[in-house]
Amino acid sequence: MSPIKHNQTIALGADHAGYELKNLLKESLLSIGYDVIDFGTNSGDSVDYPDFGRAVAEALADGRAGRGLLVCGTGIGISIAANRFPAVRAALCRSALDAQSARKHNDANVLALGARITGVEAAKDCLQEFLATEFDGGRHVARVDKLSELVQREVEEA
């Protein structure tokens, strides 16, 4: 994995189903020089995934982290939770191509993985592509801007 050049702090969060995979990926990140903020969970005891989606989202919003990694059983619930926050563009990925596309086309800043769905090697491949791939910009900028506008509109209407 090659480190990203901007903010090298990655915020991590997982529920009980994602606890072990999060820890494996955390070790990979630390071994190649990333700083991590680990919001837990720190055991296999049952917890609620929205709490960890929120913690990672808040770290992105206030600048403590440049990107995030979230893991739950399928990756679905925790990505939904994180995407409730304006600072987040979380992408649920199952392959390196998913992760590459999420970065290139959607400027995703949070990688969501499903520990019960995605094997360890595939998860490592996803993380590597997510960190190594830059946003393409160009024609994708207007689309990403529209995503931000949709979120802002929802916030204003709430």
N, C-alpha and C. Protein backbone atom coordinates (compact mmCIF):
# COMPACT_ATOMS: atom_id res chain seq x y z
N MET A 1 0.84 -1.18 0.00
CA MET A 1 0.00 0.00 0.00
C MET A 1 0.88 1.24 0.00
N SER A 2 0.59 2.17 -0.87
CA SER A 2 1.35 3.41 -0.88
C SER A 2 0.57 4.50 -0.18
N PRO A 3 1.23 5.23 0.72
CA PRO A 3 0.54 6.25 1.50
C PRO A 3 0.00 7.38 0.63
N ILE A 4 -1.13 7.95 1.05
CA ILE A 4 -1.66 9.12 0.39
C ILE A 4 -0.80 10.31 0.77
N LYS A 5 -0.81 11.34 -0.03
CA LYS A 5 0.06 12.48 0.21
C LYS A 5 -0.57 13.52 1.14
N HIS A 6 -1.88 13.67 1.10
CA HIS A 6 -2.51 14.63 2.01
C HIS A 6 -2.75 13.95 3.36
N ASN A 7 -3.47 14.58 4.20
CA ASN A 7 -3.70 14.11 5.57
C ASN A 7 -3.61 12.59 5.69
N GLN A 8 -2.58 12.13 6.36
CA GLN A 8 -2.33 10.69 6.44
C GLN A 8 -2.97 10.04 7.66
N THR A 9 -3.94 10.69 8.25
CA THR A 9 -4.66 10.10 9.37
C THR A 9 -5.94 9.46 8.86
N ILE A 10 -6.13 8.21 9.23
CA ILE A 10 -7.31 7.45 8.83
C ILE A 10 -8.13 7.16 10.08
N ALA A 11 -9.40 7.53 10.05
CA ALA A 11 -10.32 7.24 11.16
C ALA A 11 -10.93 5.87 10.94
N LEU A 12 -10.91 5.04 11.98
CA LEU A 12 -11.43 3.68 11.90
C LEU A 12 -12.62 3.49 12.83
N GLY A 13 -13.56 2.68 12.37
CA GLY A 13 -14.68 2.31 13.22
C GLY A 13 -15.27 1.00 12.75
N ALA A 14 -15.75 0.21 13.70
CA ALA A 14 -16.37 -1.07 13.38
C ALA A 14 -17.30 -1.49 14.50
N ASP A 15 -18.31 -2.24 14.13
CA ASP A 15 -19.14 -2.87 15.15
C ASP A 15 -18.52 -4.22 15.51
N HIS A 16 -19.23 -4.99 16.31
CA HIS A 16 -18.71 -6.27 16.78
C HIS A 16 -18.40 -7.23 15.63
N ALA A 17 -19.19 -7.21 14.57
CA ALA A 17 -18.95 -8.11 13.44
C ALA A 17 -17.70 -7.71 12.66
N GLY A 18 -17.36 -6.44 12.68
CA GLY A 18 -16.21 -5.95 11.93
C GLY A 18 -14.95 -5.77 12.75
N TYR A 19 -15.05 -6.08 14.03
CA TYR A 19 -13.94 -5.84 14.97
C TYR A 19 -12.62 -6.49 14.52
N GLU A 20 -12.65 -7.75 14.19
CA GLU A 20 -11.40 -8.45 13.82
C GLU A 20 -10.82 -7.93 12.51
N LEU A 21 -11.65 -7.71 11.50
CA LEU A 21 -11.14 -7.21 10.22
C LEU A 21 -10.59 -5.80 10.39
N LYS A 22 -11.28 -4.97 11.16
CA LYS A 22 -10.78 -3.61 11.42
C LYS A 22 -9.39 -3.68 12.02
N ASN A 23 -9.18 -4.55 12.98
CA ASN A 23 -7.87 -4.65 13.64
C ASN A 23 -6.79 -5.12 12.67
N LEU A 24 -7.11 -6.07 11.79
CA LEU A 24 -6.14 -6.52 10.79
C LEU A 24 -5.75 -5.38 9.85
N LEU A 25 -6.75 -4.63 9.41
CA LEU A 25 -6.47 -3.51 8.50
C LEU A 25 -5.76 -2.38 9.21
N LYS A 26 -6.06 -2.19 10.47
CA LYS A 26 -5.36 -1.18 11.27
C LYS A 26 -3.86 -1.50 11.32
N GLU A 27 -3.53 -2.74 11.55
CA GLU A 27 -2.11 -3.15 11.58
C GLU A 27 -1.44 -2.88 10.24
N SER A 28 -2.13 -3.15 9.15
CA SER A 28 -1.59 -2.87 7.82
C SER A 28 -1.32 -1.37 7.65
N LEU A 29 -2.27 -0.55 8.07
CA LEU A 29 -2.11 0.89 7.95
C LEU A 29 -0.92 1.39 8.78
N LEU A 30 -0.84 0.92 10.00
CA LEU A 30 0.27 1.35 10.87
C LEU A 30 1.62 0.90 10.31
N SER A 31 1.66 -0.28 9.74
CA SER A 31 2.93 -0.81 9.23
C SER A 31 3.47 -0.03 8.05
N ILE A 32 2.61 0.69 7.33
CA ILE A 32 3.08 1.48 6.19
C ILE A 32 3.10 2.98 6.48
N GLY A 33 2.93 3.33 7.74
CA GLY A 33 3.16 4.71 8.14
C GLY A 33 1.96 5.62 8.30
N TYR A 34 0.78 5.09 8.23
CA TYR A 34 -0.40 5.92 8.47
C TYR A 34 -0.59 6.13 9.96
N ASP A 35 -1.14 7.27 10.31
CA ASP A 35 -1.65 7.49 11.66
C ASP A 35 -3.11 7.04 11.64
N VAL A 36 -3.56 6.44 12.71
CA VAL A 36 -4.95 6.02 12.79
C VAL A 36 -5.58 6.55 14.07
N ILE A 37 -6.85 6.84 13.96
CA ILE A 37 -7.68 7.12 15.13
C ILE A 37 -8.69 5.99 15.16
N ASP A 38 -8.62 5.16 16.16
CA ASP A 38 -9.48 3.98 16.25
C ASP A 38 -10.61 4.26 17.22
N PHE A 39 -11.81 4.40 16.68
CA PHE A 39 -12.98 4.68 17.50
C PHE A 39 -13.64 3.42 18.03
N GLY A 40 -13.02 2.27 17.78
CA GLY A 40 -13.57 1.01 18.28
C GLY A 40 -14.49 0.39 17.26
N THR A 41 -15.14 -0.61 17.67
CA THR A 41 -15.25 -1.21 18.97
C THR A 41 -13.99 -2.01 19.27
N ASN A 42 -13.84 -2.34 20.52
CA ASN A 42 -12.62 -3.00 20.95
C ASN A 42 -12.84 -4.41 21.46
N SER A 43 -13.94 -5.02 21.04
CA SER A 43 -14.21 -6.41 21.41
C SER A 43 -15.29 -6.95 20.49
N GLY A 44 -15.61 -8.20 20.66
CA GLY A 44 -16.67 -8.83 19.90
C GLY A 44 -18.04 -8.69 20.54
N ASP A 45 -18.13 -7.92 21.63
CA ASP A 45 -19.41 -7.71 22.31
C ASP A 45 -20.34 -6.87 21.43
N SER A 46 -21.60 -7.19 21.43
CA SER A 46 -22.58 -6.52 20.59
C SER A 46 -22.64 -5.02 20.87
N VAL A 47 -22.56 -4.23 19.78
CA VAL A 47 -22.66 -2.77 19.83
C VAL A 47 -23.50 -2.30 18.64
N ASP A 48 -23.79 -1.02 18.58
CA ASP A 48 -24.61 -0.45 17.52
C ASP A 48 -23.74 0.27 16.49
N TYR A 49 -23.76 -0.19 15.25
CA TYR A 49 -22.91 0.36 14.20
C TYR A 49 -23.09 1.86 13.94
N PRO A 50 -24.30 2.45 14.12
CA PRO A 50 -24.40 3.90 13.84
C PRO A 50 -23.45 4.74 14.71
N ASP A 51 -23.14 4.27 15.91
CA ASP A 51 -22.24 5.04 16.79
C ASP A 51 -20.85 5.17 16.18
N PHE A 52 -20.41 4.16 15.47
CA PHE A 52 -19.08 4.17 14.89
C PHE A 52 -19.06 4.92 13.56
N GLY A 53 -20.15 4.84 12.82
CA GLY A 53 -20.28 5.66 11.62
C GLY A 53 -20.24 7.13 11.95
N ARG A 54 -20.92 7.49 13.02
CA ARG A 54 -20.93 8.89 13.46
C ARG A 54 -19.55 9.34 13.90
N ALA A 55 -18.85 8.54 14.68
CA ALA A 55 -17.53 8.93 15.19
C ALA A 55 -16.56 9.19 14.04
N VAL A 56 -16.56 8.32 13.04
CA VAL A 56 -15.67 8.51 11.89
C VAL A 56 -16.10 9.75 11.11
N ALA A 57 -17.39 9.95 10.91
CA ALA A 57 -17.89 11.13 10.20
C ALA A 57 -17.46 12.42 10.90
N GLU A 58 -17.57 12.44 12.20
CA GLU A 58 -17.18 13.64 12.94
C GLU A 58 -15.68 13.91 12.84
N ALA A 59 -14.87 12.85 12.80
CA ALA A 59 -13.42 13.03 12.64
C ALA A 59 -13.08 13.62 11.28
N LEU A 60 -13.83 13.25 10.24
CA LEU A 60 -13.62 13.83 8.92
C LEU A 60 -14.09 15.28 8.90
N ALA A 61 -15.24 15.52 9.49
CA ALA A 61 -15.81 16.87 9.48
C ALA A 61 -14.92 17.89 10.19
N ASP A 62 -14.31 17.48 11.29
CA ASP A 62 -13.50 18.45 12.04
C ASP A 62 -12.01 18.41 11.68
N GLY A 63 -11.66 17.60 10.67
CA GLY A 63 -10.29 17.61 10.16
C GLY A 63 -9.29 16.74 10.89
N ARG A 64 -9.74 15.95 11.86
CA ARG A 64 -8.81 15.05 12.55
C ARG A 64 -8.32 13.94 11.64
N ALA A 65 -9.10 13.61 10.61
CA ALA A 65 -8.73 12.55 9.68
C ALA A 65 -9.04 12.99 8.26
N GLY A 66 -8.27 12.45 7.31
CA GLY A 66 -8.49 12.76 5.90
C GLY A 66 -9.38 11.76 5.21
N ARG A 67 -9.36 10.53 5.72
CA ARG A 67 -10.21 9.47 5.18
C ARG A 67 -10.65 8.56 6.31
N GLY A 68 -11.62 7.70 6.00
CA GLY A 68 -12.14 6.79 7.01
C GLY A 68 -12.28 5.38 6.50
N LEU A 69 -12.31 4.47 7.44
CA LEU A 69 -12.53 3.05 7.17
C LEU A 69 -13.55 2.54 8.17
N LEU A 70 -14.63 1.95 7.67
CA LEU A 70 -15.70 1.42 8.51
C LEU A 70 -15.97 -0.03 8.15
N VAL A 71 -16.22 -0.85 9.17
CA VAL A 71 -16.48 -2.27 8.94
C VAL A 71 -17.64 -2.72 9.83
N CYS A 72 -18.60 -3.38 9.23
CA CYS A 72 -19.64 -4.08 9.99
C CYS A 72 -19.84 -5.43 9.30
N GLY A 73 -20.88 -6.14 9.62
CA GLY A 73 -21.08 -7.47 9.07
C GLY A 73 -21.16 -7.48 7.56
N THR A 74 -22.00 -6.63 6.99
CA THR A 74 -22.14 -6.55 5.53
C THR A 74 -21.56 -5.26 4.95
N GLY A 75 -21.33 -4.27 5.79
CA GLY A 75 -20.89 -2.96 5.32
C GLY A 75 -22.05 -2.05 4.97
N ILE A 76 -23.24 -2.60 4.89
CA ILE A 76 -24.40 -1.81 4.46
C ILE A 76 -24.82 -0.83 5.55
N GLY A 77 -25.10 -1.34 6.72
CA GLY A 77 -25.61 -0.48 7.79
C GLY A 77 -24.65 0.64 8.17
N ILE A 78 -23.38 0.31 8.30
CA ILE A 78 -22.42 1.31 8.73
C ILE A 78 -22.18 2.36 7.65
N SER A 79 -22.30 1.96 6.37
CA SER A 79 -22.15 2.96 5.30
C SER A 79 -23.37 3.87 5.25
N ILE A 80 -24.55 3.33 5.48
CA ILE A 80 -25.76 4.16 5.55
C ILE A 80 -25.62 5.17 6.68
N ALA A 81 -25.18 4.70 7.84
CA ALA A 81 -25.02 5.60 8.99
C ALA A 81 -24.05 6.72 8.67
N ALA A 82 -22.90 6.39 8.12
CA ALA A 82 -21.89 7.41 7.82
C ALA A 82 -22.37 8.41 6.78
N ASN A 83 -23.11 7.93 5.79
CA ASN A 83 -23.57 8.82 4.72
C ASN A 83 -24.67 9.78 5.15
N ARG A 84 -25.11 9.69 6.37
CA ARG A 84 -26.07 10.66 6.91
C ARG A 84 -25.40 12.00 7.21
N PHE A 85 -24.07 12.05 7.16
CA PHE A 85 -23.32 13.23 7.54
C PHE A 85 -22.75 13.93 6.31
N PRO A 86 -22.89 15.25 6.24
CA PRO A 86 -22.46 15.99 5.05
C PRO A 86 -20.99 15.83 4.66
N ALA A 87 -20.11 15.58 5.60
CA ALA A 87 -18.68 15.48 5.30
C ALA A 87 -18.29 14.13 4.70
N VAL A 88 -19.24 13.22 4.60
CA VAL A 88 -18.91 11.84 4.23
C VAL A 88 -19.46 11.46 2.87
N ARG A 89 -18.61 10.76 2.13
CA ARG A 89 -19.02 10.03 0.93
C ARG A 89 -18.47 8.62 1.11
N ALA A 90 -19.26 7.80 1.79
CA ALA A 90 -18.84 6.43 2.10
C ALA A 90 -19.25 5.51 0.97
N ALA A 91 -18.32 4.64 0.59
CA ALA A 91 -18.57 3.67 -0.47
C ALA A 91 -18.38 2.26 0.06
N LEU A 92 -19.40 1.46 -0.08
CA LEU A 92 -19.32 0.04 0.26
C LEU A 92 -18.65 -0.67 -0.89
N CYS A 93 -17.51 -1.28 -0.62
CA CYS A 93 -16.73 -1.93 -1.68
C CYS A 93 -16.52 -3.39 -1.37
N ARG A 94 -16.53 -4.20 -2.43
CA ARG A 94 -16.29 -5.63 -2.30
C ARG A 94 -15.10 -6.08 -3.13
N SER A 95 -14.57 -5.15 -3.94
CA SER A 95 -13.42 -5.49 -4.79
C SER A 95 -12.53 -4.27 -4.94
N ALA A 96 -11.31 -4.51 -5.38
CA ALA A 96 -10.38 -3.41 -5.63
C ALA A 96 -10.94 -2.48 -6.71
N LEU A 97 -11.62 -3.03 -7.69
CA LEU A 97 -12.22 -2.19 -8.73
C LEU A 97 -13.30 -1.28 -8.15
N ASP A 98 -14.11 -1.82 -7.24
CA ASP A 98 -15.10 -0.97 -6.55
C ASP A 98 -14.40 0.21 -5.87
N ALA A 99 -13.35 -0.09 -5.13
CA ALA A 99 -12.64 0.95 -4.37
C ALA A 99 -12.00 1.96 -5.30
N GLN A 100 -11.40 1.49 -6.37
CA GLN A 100 -10.78 2.39 -7.33
C GLN A 100 -11.83 3.31 -7.96
N SER A 101 -12.95 2.75 -8.36
CA SER A 101 -14.02 3.54 -8.97
C SER A 101 -14.62 4.53 -7.98
N ALA A 102 -14.77 4.12 -6.74
CA ALA A 102 -15.32 5.01 -5.70
C ALA A 102 -14.44 6.24 -5.52
N ARG A 103 -13.14 6.05 -5.58
CA ARG A 103 -12.22 7.19 -5.46
C ARG A 103 -12.19 8.01 -6.74
N LYS A 104 -12.02 7.36 -7.90
CA LYS A 104 -11.88 8.07 -9.16
C LYS A 104 -13.13 8.87 -9.53
N HIS A 105 -14.28 8.26 -9.37
CA HIS A 105 -15.51 8.85 -9.89
C HIS A 105 -16.35 9.56 -8.84
N ASN A 106 -16.25 9.14 -7.58
CA ASN A 106 -17.13 9.69 -6.54
C ASN A 106 -16.38 10.44 -5.46
N ASP A 107 -15.07 10.48 -5.53
CA ASP A 107 -14.24 11.11 -4.50
C ASP A 107 -14.63 10.62 -3.11
N ALA A 108 -14.90 9.32 -3.00
CA ALA A 108 -15.27 8.73 -1.72
C ALA A 108 -14.15 8.97 -0.71
N ASN A 109 -14.54 9.32 0.51
CA ASN A 109 -13.54 9.55 1.56
C ASN A 109 -13.65 8.54 2.69
N VAL A 110 -14.61 7.64 2.60
CA VAL A 110 -14.75 6.56 3.58
C VAL A 110 -14.95 5.25 2.83
N LEU A 111 -14.15 4.28 3.18
CA LEU A 111 -14.28 2.93 2.65
C LEU A 111 -15.07 2.10 3.65
N ALA A 112 -16.15 1.49 3.20
CA ALA A 112 -16.95 0.61 4.04
C ALA A 112 -16.78 -0.82 3.54
N LEU A 113 -16.59 -1.73 4.48
CA LEU A 113 -16.38 -3.14 4.16
C LEU A 113 -17.30 -4.02 4.99
N GLY A 114 -17.64 -5.17 4.44
CA GLY A 114 -18.45 -6.15 5.15
C GLY A 114 -17.60 -7.34 5.56
N ALA A 115 -17.38 -7.49 6.85
CA ALA A 115 -16.50 -8.55 7.34
C ALA A 115 -17.06 -9.94 7.08
N ARG A 116 -18.38 -10.07 7.03
CA ARG A 116 -18.98 -11.38 6.79
C ARG A 116 -19.11 -11.69 5.30
N ILE A 117 -18.83 -10.72 4.46
CA ILE A 117 -19.03 -10.83 3.02
C ILE A 117 -17.71 -10.83 2.27
N THR A 118 -16.76 -10.04 2.75
CA THR A 118 -15.51 -9.81 2.04
C THR A 118 -14.35 -10.47 2.78
N GLY A 119 -13.59 -11.30 2.10
CA GLY A 119 -12.44 -11.96 2.72
C GLY A 119 -11.32 -10.98 3.04
N VAL A 120 -10.41 -11.42 3.87
CA VAL A 120 -9.31 -10.56 4.33
C VAL A 120 -8.48 -10.05 3.17
N GLU A 121 -8.09 -10.90 2.25
CA GLU A 121 -7.25 -10.46 1.13
C GLU A 121 -7.98 -9.47 0.24
N ALA A 122 -9.25 -9.72 -0.02
CA ALA A 122 -10.04 -8.78 -0.82
C ALA A 122 -10.19 -7.45 -0.10
N ALA A 123 -10.37 -7.49 1.22
CA ALA A 123 -10.47 -6.25 2.01
C ALA A 123 -9.16 -5.47 1.94
N LYS A 124 -8.03 -6.16 2.04
CA LYS A 124 -6.73 -5.49 1.92
C LYS A 124 -6.56 -4.87 0.54
N ASP A 125 -7.00 -5.58 -0.50
CA ASP A 125 -6.93 -5.04 -1.85
C ASP A 125 -7.80 -3.80 -1.99
N CYS A 126 -8.98 -3.84 -1.41
CA CYS A 126 -9.87 -2.67 -1.43
C CYS A 126 -9.20 -1.48 -0.76
N LEU A 127 -8.63 -1.72 0.40
CA LEU A 127 -7.99 -0.64 1.15
C LEU A 127 -6.81 -0.08 0.36
N GLN A 128 -6.02 -0.94 -0.24
CA GLN A 128 -4.86 -0.48 -1.01
C GLN A 128 -5.31 0.43 -2.16
N GLU A 129 -6.31 0.00 -2.91
CA GLU A 129 -6.80 0.82 -4.03
C GLU A 129 -7.43 2.11 -3.54
N PHE A 130 -8.15 2.03 -2.44
CA PHE A 130 -8.81 3.22 -1.88
C PHE A 130 -7.78 4.28 -1.51
N LEU A 131 -6.66 3.85 -0.95
CA LEU A 131 -5.63 4.79 -0.53
C LEU A 131 -4.76 5.28 -1.69
N ALA A 132 -4.55 4.44 -2.67
CA ALA A 132 -3.64 4.77 -3.76
C ALA A 132 -4.29 5.55 -4.90
N THR A 133 -5.60 5.54 -4.98
CA THR A 133 -6.30 6.14 -6.12
C THR A 133 -6.73 7.56 -5.80
N GLU A 134 -6.45 8.44 -6.74
CA GLU A 134 -6.86 9.84 -6.62
C GLU A 134 -8.18 10.07 -7.36
N PHE A 135 -8.89 11.10 -6.97
CA PHE A 135 -10.12 11.53 -7.64
C PHE A 135 -9.76 12.05 -9.03
N ASP A 136 -10.49 11.61 -10.05
CA ASP A 136 -10.22 12.03 -11.42
C ASP A 136 -10.61 13.48 -11.69
N GLY A 137 -11.56 14.01 -10.92
CA GLY A 137 -12.01 15.37 -11.20
C GLY A 137 -12.76 15.43 -12.52
N GLY A 138 -12.49 16.48 -13.29
CA GLY A 138 -13.13 16.62 -14.60
C GLY A 138 -14.64 16.53 -14.54
N ARG A 139 -15.18 15.69 -15.40
CA ARG A 139 -16.64 15.57 -15.52
C ARG A 139 -17.29 15.06 -14.23
N HIS A 140 -16.49 14.46 -13.34
CA HIS A 140 -17.04 13.92 -12.10
C HIS A 140 -17.28 14.99 -11.04
N VAL A 141 -16.63 16.13 -11.17
CA VAL A 141 -16.75 17.19 -10.17
C VAL A 141 -18.20 17.65 -10.02
N ALA A 142 -18.86 17.90 -11.13
CA ALA A 142 -20.25 18.36 -11.08
C ALA A 142 -21.15 17.35 -10.39
N ARG A 143 -20.89 16.07 -10.61
CA ARG A 143 -21.71 15.03 -10.00
C ARG A 143 -21.48 14.96 -8.49
N VAL A 144 -20.22 15.05 -8.09
CA VAL A 144 -19.91 15.04 -6.65
C VAL A 144 -20.49 16.28 -5.99
N ASP A 145 -20.42 17.43 -6.68
CA ASP A 145 -21.02 18.66 -6.16
C ASP A 145 -22.52 18.48 -5.96
N LYS A 146 -23.18 17.79 -6.88
CA LYS A 146 -24.61 17.55 -6.74
C LYS A 146 -24.91 16.68 -5.52
N LEU A 147 -24.04 15.72 -5.23
CA LEU A 147 -24.22 14.92 -4.01
C LEU A 147 -24.18 15.81 -2.78
N SER A 148 -23.22 16.72 -2.75
CA SER A 148 -23.09 17.64 -1.61
C SER A 148 -24.31 18.55 -1.52
N GLU A 149 -24.82 19.00 -2.66
CA GLU A 149 -26.02 19.85 -2.66
C GLU A 149 -27.22 19.09 -2.11
N LEU A 150 -27.37 17.82 -2.46
CA LEU A 150 -28.49 17.02 -1.95
C LEU A 150 -28.43 16.91 -0.43
N VAL A 151 -27.23 16.67 0.08
CA VAL A 151 -27.06 16.55 1.53
C VAL A 151 -27.35 17.89 2.19
N GLN A 152 -26.83 18.98 1.63
CA GLN A 152 -27.05 20.30 2.21
C GLN A 152 -28.53 20.65 2.22
N ARG A 153 -29.22 20.32 1.15
CA ARG A 153 -30.67 20.59 1.09
C ARG A 153 -31.40 19.84 2.19
N GLU A 154 -31.02 18.58 2.41
CA GLU A 154 -31.66 17.78 3.46
C GLU A 154 -31.40 18.38 4.83
N VAL A 155 -30.19 18.88 5.06
CA VAL A 155 -29.84 19.50 6.34
C VAL A 155 -30.68 20.75 6.55
N GLU A 156 -30.81 21.57 5.51
CA GLU A 156 -31.58 22.82 5.61
C GLU A 156 -33.05 22.56 5.85
N GLU A 157 -33.58 21.48 5.27
CA GLU A 157 -35.00 21.17 5.42
C GLU A 157 -35.34 20.51 6.75
N ALA A 158 -34.34 20.01 7.43
CA ALA A 158 -34.57 19.31 8.71
C ALA A 158 -34.91 20.26 9.83
